[in-house]
Amino acid sequence: MYNRCISTGDVMKLDERLHFQEQNLEDRAFTIRESLRNAIIDRRLNPGTKLSEAEVGLLFDVSRTVVRSALQMLAFEGLIKTERNRGAFVSNPSPEEAVQVFACRRMIEPGIVTAAVERLTDEDLIAFRKQLEDEQHHLHQRGAAARRAEIKASGDFHLMLAKVAGNAILQKFMDELVARSSLVIALYGGSGISSCGHSEHTDILAALEQRDAAKASTLMLHHIDHIEADLDLRVREGLALKDALGL
């Protein structure tokens, strides 16, 4: 039944299915990772949902080795957790864990902003302005795909700051922290303000351009407070894996 579904176009359009069939194992793992990631971000997969290697393999007609690679990518992002002898589950951040994520961001990101001010180039400013244009575009879109794009674009702004700061170790830590934040926002974000307000990013960039580290740090702290204040941590009903993936 599952193999029939994936072959009838319930998941992908014809050209997408043909492309998937032609992909190598690494690319297939990435495609599966994207499908599962989208289902998690869209809240079609509830926190705590078990992701069986066998079931995912049947749904996509691939080996468990390919599925395991996809799950490892999701685990690195903090979107799923693996438990010995039990398997993989969609991460289920508790209210306390959500608070801890943003507490970490308050401790780290003001320092990132200060370092970024010292290293910011004209080329960086051009890239940031382009990023804000992308965010502005997503603000006028609707639907699940638009929400994913908005959350990603918002997180990318913070990752760009970490890159400009020039600390590779800190940048890697921010990659994980932003991924965890994105999961919390996707699951519990209330009005959409939590996906990093575009106007607040604009204000932060203006302070960076003025080389005003103190102001940029203050704006960043206010911004993070704003994100956390918009979270709604009530429990929501989820779907079974097969239904969430539309297979």
C-alpha atoms as a PDB file:
ATOM      1  CA  MET A   1       0.000   0.000   0.000  1.00  0.00           C
ATOM      2  CA  TYR A   2       2.751   2.470   0.930  1.00  0.00           C
ATOM      3  CA  ASN A   3       4.790   1.668  -2.207  1.00  0.00           C
ATOM      4  CA  ARG A   4       1.694   2.166  -4.337  1.00  0.00           C
ATOM      5  CA  CYS A   5       1.158   5.597  -2.826  1.00  0.00           C
ATOM      6  CA  ILE A   6       4.630   6.863  -3.552  1.00  0.00           C
ATOM      7  CA  SER A   7       4.401   5.653  -7.137  1.00  0.00           C
ATOM      8  CA  THR A   8       1.082   7.367  -7.890  1.00  0.00           C
ATOM      9  CA  GLY A   9       2.178  10.945  -7.344  1.00  0.00           C
ATOM     10  CA  ASP A  10       0.566  11.542  -3.958  1.00  0.00           C
ATOM     11  CA  VAL A  11       3.875  12.917  -2.676  1.00  0.00           C
ATOM     12  CA  MET A  12       5.519  14.486  -5.701  1.00  0.00           C
ATOM     13  CA  LYS A  13       4.646  15.645  -9.188  1.00  0.00           C
ATOM     14  CA  LEU A  14       5.700  13.407 -12.075  1.00  0.00           C
ATOM     15  CA  ASP A  15       8.902  15.315 -12.848  1.00  0.00           C
ATOM     16  CA  GLU A  16       9.803  15.361  -9.148  1.00  0.00           C
ATOM     17  CA  ARG A  17       9.229  11.596  -8.865  1.00  0.00           C
ATOM     18  CA  LEU A  18      11.402  10.918 -11.893  1.00  0.00           C
ATOM     19  CA  HIS A  19      14.118  13.132 -10.452  1.00  0.00           C
ATOM     20  CA  PHE A  20      13.908  11.323  -7.102  1.00  0.00           C
ATOM     21  CA  GLN A  21      14.304   7.947  -8.856  1.00  0.00           C
ATOM     22  CA  GLU A  22      17.420   9.214 -10.636  1.00  0.00           C
ATOM     23  CA  GLN A  23      19.052  10.567  -7.481  1.00  0.00           C
ATOM     24  CA  ASN A  24      22.006   8.888  -5.810  1.00  0.00           C
ATOM     25  CA  LEU A  25      21.640   7.599  -2.269  1.00  0.00           C
ATOM     26  CA  GLU A  26      22.974  10.786  -0.663  1.00  0.00           C
ATOM     27  CA  ASP A  27      20.547  12.968  -2.601  1.00  0.00           C
ATOM     28  CA  ARG A  28      17.651  10.656  -1.780  1.00  0.00           C
ATOM     29  CA  ALA A  29      18.503  10.910   1.905  1.00  0.00           C
ATOM     30  CA  PHE A  30      18.474  14.704   1.615  1.00  0.00           C
ATOM     31  CA  THR A  31      15.081  14.644  -0.160  1.00  0.00           C
ATOM     32  CA  ILE A  32      13.612  12.437   2.573  1.00  0.00           C
ATOM     33  CA  ARG A  33      15.097  14.727   5.204  1.00  0.00           C
ATOM     34  CA  GLU A  34      13.396  17.706   3.540  1.00  0.00           C
ATOM     35  CA  SER A  35      10.017  15.931   3.407  1.00  0.00           C
ATOM     36  CA  LEU A  36      10.192  14.974   7.074  1.00  0.00           C
ATOM     37  CA  ARG A  37      11.513  18.395   8.071  1.00  0.00           C
ATOM     38  CA  ASN A  38       8.653  20.121   6.279  1.00  0.00           C
ATOM     39  CA  ALA A  39       6.116  17.864   7.981  1.00  0.00           C
ATOM     40  CA  ILE A  40       7.640  18.737  11.363  1.00  0.00           C
ATOM     41  CA  ILE A  41       7.798  22.482  10.701  1.00  0.00           C
ATOM     42  CA  ASP A  42       4.234  22.442   9.320  1.00  0.00           C
ATOM     43  CA  ARG A  43       3.110  20.778  12.576  1.00  0.00           C
ATOM     44  CA  ARG A  44       1.728  17.804  10.631  1.00  0.00           C
ATOM     45  CA  LEU A  45       3.953  15.585  12.784  1.00  0.00           C
ATOM     46  CA  ASN A  46       3.355  16.096  16.470  1.00  0.00           C
ATOM     47  CA  PRO A  47       6.229  16.237  18.979  1.00  0.00           C
ATOM     48  CA  GLY A  48       6.993  12.731  20.171  1.00  0.00           C
ATOM     49  CA  THR A  49       5.854  11.016  16.938  1.00  0.00           C
ATOM     50  CA  LYS A  50       7.906   7.887  16.261  1.00  0.00           C
ATOM     51  CA  LEU A  51       9.758   7.848  12.936  1.00  0.00           C
ATOM     52  CA  SER A  52      10.180   4.168  12.136  1.00  0.00           C
ATOM     53  CA  GLU A  53      13.051   3.433   9.760  1.00  0.00           C
ATOM     54  CA  ALA A  54      11.026   0.586   8.264  1.00  0.00           C
ATOM     55  CA  GLU A  55       7.923   2.704   7.690  1.00  0.00           C
ATOM     56  CA  VAL A  56       9.807   5.655   6.221  1.00  0.00           C
ATOM     57  CA  GLY A  57      11.730   3.237   3.998  1.00  0.00           C
ATOM     58  CA  LEU A  58       8.484   1.733   2.697  1.00  0.00           C
ATOM     59  CA  LEU A  59       6.946   5.150   2.120  1.00  0.00           C
ATOM     60  CA  PHE A  60       9.875   6.281  -0.023  1.00  0.00           C
ATOM     61  CA  ASP A  61      10.887   2.864  -1.386  1.00  0.00           C
ATOM     62  CA  VAL A  62      14.452   3.104  -0.072  1.00  0.00           C
ATOM     63  CA  SER A  63      16.670   1.079   2.222  1.00  0.00           C
ATOM     64  CA  ARG A  64      16.976   1.642   5.946  1.00  0.00           C
ATOM     65  CA  THR A  65      20.524   2.867   5.344  1.00  0.00           C
ATOM     66  CA  VAL A  66      19.192   5.815   3.319  1.00  0.00           C
ATOM     67  CA  VAL A  67      16.507   6.513   5.931  1.00  0.00           C
ATOM     68  CA  ARG A  68      19.079   6.377   8.712  1.00  0.00           C
ATOM     69  CA  SER A  69      21.180   8.998   6.929  1.00  0.00           C
ATOM     70  CA  ALA A  70      18.149  11.305   6.620  1.00  0.00           C
ATOM     71  CA  LEU A  71      17.312  10.848  10.299  1.00  0.00           C
ATOM     72  CA  GLN A  72      20.889  11.636  11.297  1.00  0.00           C
ATOM     73  CA  MET A  73      20.638  14.983   9.493  1.00  0.00           C
ATOM     74  CA  LEU A  74      17.425  15.783  11.348  1.00  0.00           C
ATOM     75  CA  ALA A  75      18.986  14.753  14.657  1.00  0.00           C
ATOM     76  CA  PHE A  76      21.927  17.121  14.029  1.00  0.00           C
ATOM     77  CA  GLU A  77      19.438  19.962  13.592  1.00  0.00           C
ATOM     78  CA  GLY A  78      17.737  19.017  16.838  1.00  0.00           C
ATOM     79  CA  LEU A  79      14.450  18.274  15.052  1.00  0.00           C
ATOM     80  CA  ILE A  80      14.378  14.638  16.139  1.00  0.00           C
ATOM     81  CA  LYS A  81      15.834  12.611  18.978  1.00  0.00           C
ATOM     82  CA  THR A  82      17.111   9.054  18.797  1.00  0.00           C
ATOM     83  CA  GLU A  83      16.837   6.677  21.724  1.00  0.00           C
ATOM     84  CA  ARG A  84      18.787   3.449  22.084  1.00  0.00           C
ATOM     85  CA  ASN A  85      16.648   0.375  21.326  1.00  0.00           C
ATOM     86  CA  ARG A  86      13.600   2.589  20.721  1.00  0.00           C
ATOM     87  CA  GLY A  87      14.330   4.526  17.528  1.00  0.00           C
ATOM     88  CA  ALA A  88      13.796   8.111  16.381  1.00  0.00           C
ATOM     89  CA  PHE A  89      11.117  10.527  17.549  1.00  0.00           C
ATOM     90  CA  VAL A  90      10.142  14.071  16.624  1.00  0.00           C
ATOM     91  CA  SER A  91      11.709  16.292  19.251  1.00  0.00           C
ATOM     92  CA  ASN A  92       9.282  17.303  21.936  1.00  0.00           C
ATOM     93  CA  PRO A  93      10.664  20.490  23.495  1.00  0.00           C
ATOM     94  CA  SER A  94       9.078  21.137  26.859  1.00  0.00           C
ATOM     95  CA  PRO A  95       8.218  24.671  27.978  1.00  0.00           C
ATOM     96  CA  GLU A  96      11.346  24.589  30.112  1.00  0.00           C
ATOM     97  CA  GLU A  97      13.507  23.567  27.139  1.00  0.00           C
ATOM     98  CA  ALA A  98      11.965  26.308  25.008  1.00  0.00           C
ATOM     99  CA  VAL A  99      12.848  28.848  27.680  1.00  0.00           C
ATOM    100  CA  GLN A 100      16.396  27.481  27.839  1.00  0.00           C
ATOM    101  CA  VAL A 101      16.828  27.836  24.081  1.00  0.00           C
ATOM    102  CA  PHE A 102      16.031  31.527  24.217  1.00  0.00           C
ATOM    103  CA  ALA A 103      18.072  32.006  27.380  1.00  0.00           C
ATOM    104  CA  CYS A 104      21.050  30.679  25.419  1.00  0.00           C
ATOM    105  CA  ARG A 105      20.330  33.092  22.622  1.00  0.00           C
ATOM    106  CA  ARG A 106      20.255  36.021  25.050  1.00  0.00           C
ATOM    107  CA  MET A 107      23.676  35.051  26.350  1.00  0.00           C
ATOM    108  CA  ILE A 108      25.253  34.504  22.948  1.00  0.00           C
ATOM    109  CA  GLU A 109      23.760  36.804  20.344  1.00  0.00           C
ATOM    110  CA  PRO A 110      24.677  40.181  21.893  1.00  0.00           C
ATOM    111  CA  GLY A 111      28.298  39.021  21.728  1.00  0.00           C
ATOM    112  CA  ILE A 112      27.826  37.933  18.130  1.00  0.00           C
ATOM    113  CA  VAL A 113      26.434  41.364  17.257  1.00  0.00           C
ATOM    114  CA  THR A 114      29.396  43.096  18.933  1.00  0.00           C
ATOM    115  CA  ALA A 115      31.885  40.955  17.005  1.00  0.00           C
ATOM    116  CA  ALA A 116      29.968  41.451  13.763  1.00  0.00           C
ATOM    117  CA  VAL A 117      30.149  45.253  14.108  1.00  0.00           C
ATOM    118  CA  GLU A 118      33.942  45.032  14.158  1.00  0.00           C
ATOM    119  CA  ARG A 119      34.132  42.852  11.042  1.00  0.00           C
ATOM    120  CA  LEU A 120      31.206  44.103   8.951  1.00  0.00           C
ATOM    121  CA  THR A 121      32.109  44.969   5.340  1.00  0.00           C
ATOM    122  CA  ASP A 122      30.235  46.742   2.566  1.00  0.00           C
ATOM    123  CA  GLU A 123      29.741  43.369   0.899  1.00  0.00           C
ATOM    124  CA  ASP A 124      28.173  42.044   4.112  1.00  0.00           C
ATOM    125  CA  LEU A 125      25.762  44.976   4.200  1.00  0.00           C
ATOM    126  CA  ILE A 126      24.675  44.259   0.638  1.00  0.00           C
ATOM    127  CA  ALA A 127      24.059  40.604   1.557  1.00  0.00           C
ATOM    128  CA  PHE A 128      22.044  41.609   4.635  1.00  0.00           C
ATOM    129  CA  ARG A 129      19.890  43.984   2.606  1.00  0.00           C
ATOM    130  CA  LYS A 130      19.205  41.203   0.116  1.00  0.00           C
ATOM    131  CA  GLN A 131      18.239  38.955   3.019  1.00  0.00           C
ATOM    132  CA  LEU A 132      15.776  41.556   4.296  1.00  0.00           C
ATOM    133  CA  GLU A 133      14.266  41.796   0.810  1.00  0.00           C
ATOM    134  CA  ASP A 134      13.701  38.035   0.869  1.00  0.00           C
ATOM    135  CA  GLU A 135      12.045  38.313   4.295  1.00  0.00           C
ATOM    136  CA  GLN A 136       9.800  41.093   3.024  1.00  0.00           C
ATOM    137  CA  HIS A 137       8.712  38.886   0.130  1.00  0.00           C
ATOM    138  CA  HIS A 138       7.733  36.025   2.453  1.00  0.00           C
ATOM    139  CA  LEU A 139       5.679  38.359   4.650  1.00  0.00           C
ATOM    140  CA  HIS A 140       3.134  38.718   1.845  1.00  0.00           C
ATOM    141  CA  GLN A 141       2.816  34.973   1.176  1.00  0.00           C
ATOM    142  CA  ARG A 142       0.330  32.574   2.774  1.00  0.00           C
ATOM    143  CA  GLY A 143       0.234  28.831   3.375  1.00  0.00           C
ATOM    144  CA  ALA A 144       2.478  26.143   4.840  1.00  0.00           C
ATOM    145  CA  ALA A 145       5.278  26.569   2.298  1.00  0.00           C
ATOM    146  CA  ALA A 146       5.351  30.313   2.933  1.00  0.00           C
ATOM    147  CA  ARG A 147       5.526  29.722   6.692  1.00  0.00           C
ATOM    148  CA  ARG A 148       8.505  27.389   6.224  1.00  0.00           C
ATOM    149  CA  ALA A 149      10.227  29.949   4.017  1.00  0.00           C
ATOM    150  CA  GLU A 150       9.543  32.729   6.511  1.00  0.00           C
ATOM    151  CA  ILE A 151      10.947  30.760   9.432  1.00  0.00           C
ATOM    152  CA  LYS A 152      14.029  29.783   7.411  1.00  0.00           C
ATOM    153  CA  ALA A 153      14.664  33.321   6.165  1.00  0.00           C
ATOM    154  CA  SER A 154      14.312  34.666   9.691  1.00  0.00           C
ATOM    155  CA  GLY A 155      16.778  32.151  11.056  1.00  0.00           C
ATOM    156  CA  ASP A 156      19.183  32.833   8.193  1.00  0.00           C
ATOM    157  CA  PHE A 157      19.494  36.470   9.309  1.00  0.00           C
ATOM    158  CA  HIS A 158      20.869  35.319  12.653  1.00  0.00           C
ATOM    159  CA  LEU A 159      23.143  32.739  11.013  1.00  0.00           C
ATOM    160  CA  MET A 160      24.548  35.438   8.729  1.00  0.00           C
ATOM    161  CA  LEU A 161      25.405  37.520  11.795  1.00  0.00           C
ATOM    162  CA  ALA A 162      27.219  34.540  13.308  1.00  0.00           C
ATOM    163  CA  LYS A 163      29.190  34.049  10.091  1.00  0.00           C
ATOM    164  CA  VAL A 164      30.206  37.706   9.943  1.00  0.00           C
ATOM    165  CA  ALA A 165      31.337  37.501  13.588  1.00  0.00           C
ATOM    166  CA  GLY A 166      34.077  35.181  12.352  1.00  0.00           C
ATOM    167  CA  ASN A 167      34.061  32.476  15.040  1.00  0.00           C
ATOM    168  CA  ALA A 168      33.658  29.073  13.402  1.00  0.00           C
ATOM    169  CA  ILE A 169      32.893  27.246  16.655  1.00  0.00           C
ATOM    170  CA  LEU A 170      30.272  29.797  17.643  1.00  0.00           C
ATOM    171  CA  GLN A 171      28.791  29.661  14.154  1.00  0.00           C
ATOM    172  CA  LYS A 172      28.361  25.886  14.406  1.00  0.00           C
ATOM    173  CA  PHE A 173      26.675  26.266  17.785  1.00  0.00           C
ATOM    174  CA  MET A 174      24.329  28.887  16.343  1.00  0.00           C
ATOM    175  CA  ASP A 175      23.408  26.490  13.523  1.00  0.00           C
ATOM    176  CA  GLU A 176      22.048  24.064  16.111  1.00  0.00           C
ATOM    177  CA  LEU A 177      20.523  26.797  18.265  1.00  0.00           C
ATOM    178  CA  VAL A 178      18.649  28.364  15.334  1.00  0.00           C
ATOM    179  CA  ALA A 179      17.401  24.927  14.223  1.00  0.00           C
ATOM    180  CA  ARG A 180      16.062  24.266  17.725  1.00  0.00           C
ATOM    181  CA  SER A 181      14.520  27.722  17.828  1.00  0.00           C
ATOM    182  CA  SER A 182      12.868  27.114  14.464  1.00  0.00           C
ATOM    183  CA  LEU A 183      11.295  23.908  15.794  1.00  0.00           C
ATOM    184  CA  VAL A 184       9.971  25.702  18.872  1.00  0.00           C
ATOM    185  CA  ILE A 185       8.654  28.574  16.728  1.00  0.00           C
ATOM    186  CA  ALA A 186       7.051  26.245  14.191  1.00  0.00           C
ATOM    187  CA  LEU A 187       5.372  24.203  16.902  1.00  0.00           C
ATOM    188  CA  TYR A 188       4.390  26.910  19.325  1.00  0.00           C
ATOM    189  CA  GLY A 189       4.563  30.255  17.529  1.00  0.00           C
ATOM    190  CA  GLY A 190       1.326  32.165  18.046  1.00  0.00           C
ATOM    191  CA  SER A 191       0.699  35.102  15.741  1.00  0.00           C
ATOM    192  CA  GLY A 192       3.715  34.785  13.484  1.00  0.00           C
ATOM    193  CA  ILE A 193       5.600  37.559  15.263  1.00  0.00           C
ATOM    194  CA  SER A 194       7.786  34.818  16.721  1.00  0.00           C
ATOM    195  CA  SER A 195       9.327  34.095  13.328  1.00  0.00           C
ATOM    196  CA  CYS A 196      11.611  37.067  13.789  1.00  0.00           C
ATOM    197  CA  GLY A 197       9.903  40.366  13.028  1.00  0.00           C
ATOM    198  CA  HIS A 198      11.126  41.856   9.778  1.00  0.00           C
ATOM    199  CA  SER A 199      11.094  45.402  11.139  1.00  0.00           C
ATOM    200  CA  GLU A 200      13.242  44.369  14.099  1.00  0.00           C
ATOM    201  CA  HIS A 201      15.827  42.865  11.757  1.00  0.00           C
ATOM    202  CA  THR A 202      15.804  46.144   9.831  1.00  0.00           C
ATOM    203  CA  ASP A 203      16.460  48.099  13.029  1.00  0.00           C
ATOM    204  CA  ILE A 204      19.296  45.769  14.031  1.00  0.00           C
ATOM    205  CA  LEU A 205      20.912  46.106  10.618  1.00  0.00           C
ATOM    206  CA  ALA A 206      20.656  49.920  10.816  1.00  0.00           C
ATOM    207  CA  ALA A 207      22.498  49.878  14.151  1.00  0.00           C
ATOM    208  CA  LEU A 208      25.147  47.583  12.674  1.00  0.00           C
ATOM    209  CA  GLU A 209      25.627  49.935   9.744  1.00  0.00           C
ATOM    210  CA  GLN A 210      26.085  52.812  12.216  1.00  0.00           C
ATOM    211  CA  ARG A 211      28.706  50.676  14.010  1.00  0.00           C
ATOM    212  CA  ASP A 212      26.697  51.090  17.205  1.00  0.00           C
ATOM    213  CA  ALA A 213      27.341  47.790  18.962  1.00  0.00           C
ATOM    214  CA  ALA A 214      25.572  48.788  22.175  1.00  0.00           C
ATOM    215  CA  LYS A 215      22.371  49.733  20.364  1.00  0.00           C
ATOM    216  CA  ALA A 216      22.478  46.637  18.151  1.00  0.00           C
ATOM    217  CA  SER A 217      22.919  44.394  21.199  1.00  0.00           C
ATOM    218  CA  THR A 218      20.000  46.052  22.993  1.00  0.00           C
ATOM    219  CA  LEU A 219      17.807  45.663  19.923  1.00  0.00           C
ATOM    220  CA  MET A 220      18.801  42.009  19.632  1.00  0.00           C
ATOM    221  CA  LEU A 221      17.819  41.308  23.244  1.00  0.00           C
ATOM    222  CA  HIS A 222      14.469  43.022  22.714  1.00  0.00           C
ATOM    223  CA  HIS A 223      14.010  40.998  19.537  1.00  0.00           C
ATOM    224  CA  ILE A 224      14.651  37.684  21.291  1.00  0.00           C
ATOM    225  CA  ASP A 225      12.277  38.682  24.105  1.00  0.00           C
ATOM    226  CA  HIS A 226       9.642  39.438  21.477  1.00  0.00           C
ATOM    227  CA  ILE A 227      10.052  36.031  19.848  1.00  0.00           C
ATOM    228  CA  GLU A 228       9.735  34.155  23.136  1.00  0.00           C
ATOM    229  CA  ALA A 229       6.747  36.208  24.299  1.00  0.00           C
ATOM    230  CA  ASP A 230       4.792  35.097  21.234  1.00  0.00           C
ATOM    231  CA  LEU A 231       5.115  31.372  21.969  1.00  0.00           C
ATOM    232  CA  ASP A 232       1.962  29.361  22.699  1.00  0.00           C
ATOM    233  CA  LEU A 233       2.972  26.165  24.483  1.00  0.00           C
ATOM    234  CA  ARG A 234      -0.407  24.452  24.485  1.00  0.00           C
ATOM    235  CA  VAL A 235      -0.496  20.829  23.266  1.00  0.00           C
ATOM    236  CA  ARG A 236      -1.794  20.268  19.723  1.00  0.00           C
ATOM    237  CA  GLU A 237      -3.152  17.164  18.033  1.00  0.00           C
ATOM    238  CA  GLY A 238      -0.911  15.614  15.383  1.00  0.00           C
ATOM    239  CA  LEU A 239      -1.256  13.134  12.511  1.00  0.00           C
ATOM    240  CA  ALA A 240       0.100   9.676  11.901  1.00  0.00           C
ATOM    241  CA  LEU A 241       3.353   9.559   9.889  1.00  0.00           C
ATOM    242  CA  LYS A 242       1.665   8.281   6.707  1.00  0.00           C
ATOM    243  CA  ASP A 243      -1.053  10.955   6.807  1.00  0.00           C
ATOM    244  CA  ALA A 244       1.348  13.755   7.738  1.00  0.00           C
ATOM    245  CA  LEU A 245       3.479  12.984   4.664  1.00  0.00           C
ATOM    246  CA  GLY A 246       0.409  12.721   2.452  1.00  0.00           C
ATOM    247  CA  LEU A 247       1.224   9.198   1.335  1.00  0.00           C
END
